[in-house]
């Protein structure tokens, strides 16, 4: 199977007024063709969001 999504050492920072939120710290991900990926995030409003 071929790889359709791949990332190595992914980082994501959110810069606020006086501090930094380190949302992702060195994420490695590989998704091959035919595999399923589900992502669950929690929004600041308190309502969860699911994406499949």
N, C-alpha and C. Protein backbone atom coordinates (compact mmCIF):
# COMPACT_ATOMS: atom_id res chain seq x y z
N UNK A 1 0.83 -1.19 0.00
CA UNK A 1 0.00 0.00 0.00
C UNK A 1 0.87 1.25 0.00
N UNK A 2 0.32 2.31 -0.53
CA UNK A 2 1.08 3.57 -0.56
C UNK A 2 0.68 4.48 0.61
N UNK A 3 1.60 5.30 1.02
CA UNK A 3 1.36 6.24 2.10
C UNK A 3 0.63 7.46 1.55
N UNK A 4 -0.48 7.87 2.22
CA UNK A 4 -1.23 9.04 1.75
C UNK A 4 -1.04 10.25 2.66
N UNK A 5 -0.68 10.02 3.94
CA UNK A 5 -0.37 11.11 4.87
C UNK A 5 0.85 10.69 5.67
N UNK A 6 1.83 11.59 5.77
CA UNK A 6 3.01 11.28 6.57
C UNK A 6 3.62 12.57 7.10
N UNK A 7 3.97 12.56 8.37
CA UNK A 7 4.64 13.71 8.99
C UNK A 7 5.62 13.21 10.04
N UNK A 8 6.70 13.94 10.20
CA UNK A 8 7.73 13.62 11.18
C UNK A 8 8.03 14.86 12.02
N UNK A 9 8.09 14.67 13.32
CA UNK A 9 8.51 15.73 14.25
C UNK A 9 7.69 17.02 14.06
N UNK A 10 6.38 16.88 13.99
CA UNK A 10 5.47 18.03 13.79
C UNK A 10 5.25 18.76 15.11
N UNK A 11 5.40 20.08 15.07
CA UNK A 11 5.17 20.93 16.23
C UNK A 11 4.17 22.02 15.87
N UNK A 12 3.32 22.37 16.83
CA UNK A 12 2.37 23.48 16.64
C UNK A 12 2.32 24.28 17.93
N UNK A 13 2.59 25.58 17.81
CA UNK A 13 2.58 26.48 18.96
C UNK A 13 1.54 27.57 18.75
N UNK A 14 0.84 27.93 19.82
CA UNK A 14 -0.07 29.06 19.80
C UNK A 14 0.52 30.12 20.73
N UNK A 15 0.76 31.30 20.20
CA UNK A 15 1.37 32.38 20.98
C UNK A 15 0.28 33.31 21.50
N UNK A 16 0.16 33.35 22.82
CA UNK A 16 -0.80 34.23 23.48
C UNK A 16 -0.05 35.49 23.95
N UNK A 17 -0.71 36.32 24.68
CA UNK A 17 -0.08 37.58 25.12
C UNK A 17 1.21 37.33 25.89
N UNK A 18 1.15 36.55 26.94
CA UNK A 18 2.32 36.37 27.80
C UNK A 18 2.81 34.93 27.89
N UNK A 19 2.28 34.02 27.09
CA UNK A 19 2.68 32.63 27.17
C UNK A 19 2.49 31.91 25.85
N UNK A 20 3.02 30.70 25.77
CA UNK A 20 2.96 29.89 24.55
C UNK A 20 2.30 28.55 24.89
N UNK A 21 1.34 28.16 24.09
CA UNK A 21 0.70 26.84 24.23
C UNK A 21 1.36 25.90 23.23
N UNK A 22 1.98 24.83 23.73
CA UNK A 22 2.61 23.83 22.86
C UNK A 22 1.58 22.75 22.57
N UNK A 23 0.82 22.92 21.49
CA UNK A 23 -0.29 22.01 21.16
C UNK A 23 0.19 20.66 20.66
N UNK A 24 1.20 20.65 19.81
CA UNK A 24 1.79 19.41 19.29
C UNK A 24 3.29 19.44 19.56
N UNK A 25 3.81 18.34 20.08
CA UNK A 25 5.23 18.28 20.43
C UNK A 25 5.88 17.07 19.80
N UNK A 26 6.37 17.21 18.60
CA UNK A 26 7.10 16.13 17.95
C UNK A 26 6.25 14.95 17.51
N UNK A 27 5.12 15.22 16.88
CA UNK A 27 4.20 14.15 16.44
C UNK A 27 4.71 13.50 15.16
N UNK A 28 4.72 12.17 15.15
CA UNK A 28 5.01 11.39 13.95
C UNK A 28 3.75 10.64 13.56
N UNK A 29 3.39 10.69 12.29
CA UNK A 29 2.14 10.08 11.82
C UNK A 29 2.33 9.53 10.42
N UNK A 30 1.82 8.34 10.20
CA UNK A 30 1.85 7.74 8.86
C UNK A 30 0.53 7.01 8.65
N UNK A 31 -0.19 7.37 7.58
CA UNK A 31 -1.46 6.75 7.24
C UNK A 31 -1.33 6.17 5.85
N UNK A 32 -1.55 4.88 5.73
CA UNK A 32 -1.47 4.21 4.44
C UNK A 32 -2.84 4.16 3.77
N UNK A 33 -2.82 3.98 2.48
CA UNK A 33 -4.04 3.85 1.70
C UNK A 33 -4.87 2.69 2.26
N UNK A 34 -6.17 2.92 2.45
CA UNK A 34 -7.06 1.89 2.97
C UNK A 34 -7.21 1.91 4.49
N UNK A 35 -6.38 2.69 5.19
CA UNK A 35 -6.49 2.81 6.65
C UNK A 35 -7.43 3.95 7.00
N UNK A 36 -7.97 3.90 8.21
CA UNK A 36 -8.86 4.94 8.70
C UNK A 36 -8.14 5.79 9.73
N UNK A 37 -8.50 7.08 9.77
CA UNK A 37 -7.93 8.00 10.72
C UNK A 37 -9.07 8.80 11.35
N UNK A 38 -9.08 8.86 12.67
CA UNK A 38 -10.08 9.64 13.38
C UNK A 38 -9.37 10.62 14.29
N UNK A 39 -9.83 11.86 14.30
CA UNK A 39 -9.23 12.91 15.11
C UNK A 39 -10.30 13.48 16.03
N UNK A 40 -9.99 13.56 17.32
CA UNK A 40 -10.92 14.10 18.30
C UNK A 40 -10.26 15.31 18.96
N UNK A 41 -10.93 16.44 18.91
CA UNK A 41 -10.39 17.65 19.53
C UNK A 41 -11.43 18.23 20.48
N UNK A 42 -10.96 18.97 21.45
CA UNK A 42 -11.84 19.64 22.40
C UNK A 42 -11.74 21.14 22.16
N UNK A 43 -12.86 21.76 21.85
CA UNK A 43 -12.88 23.19 21.57
C UNK A 43 -12.99 23.98 22.87
N UNK A 44 -12.53 25.21 22.86
CA UNK A 44 -12.54 26.06 24.04
C UNK A 44 -13.95 26.35 24.54
N UNK A 45 -14.93 26.27 23.67
CA UNK A 45 -16.32 26.53 24.08
C UNK A 45 -16.90 25.39 24.89
N UNK A 46 -16.17 24.27 24.98
CA UNK A 46 -16.66 23.15 25.76
C UNK A 46 -17.43 22.12 24.96
N UNK A 47 -17.57 22.33 23.67
CA UNK A 47 -18.28 21.37 22.82
C UNK A 47 -17.25 20.55 22.04
N UNK A 48 -17.28 19.22 22.17
CA UNK A 48 -16.31 18.40 21.45
C UNK A 48 -16.60 18.38 19.94
N UNK A 49 -15.58 18.16 19.16
CA UNK A 49 -15.68 18.08 17.71
C UNK A 49 -15.01 16.79 17.27
N UNK A 50 -15.71 15.98 16.50
CA UNK A 50 -15.14 14.74 16.00
C UNK A 50 -15.09 14.79 14.50
N UNK A 51 -13.97 14.33 13.93
CA UNK A 51 -13.80 14.26 12.49
C UNK A 51 -13.27 12.90 12.12
N UNK A 52 -13.94 12.22 11.23
CA UNK A 52 -13.51 10.89 10.81
C UNK A 52 -13.21 10.90 9.34
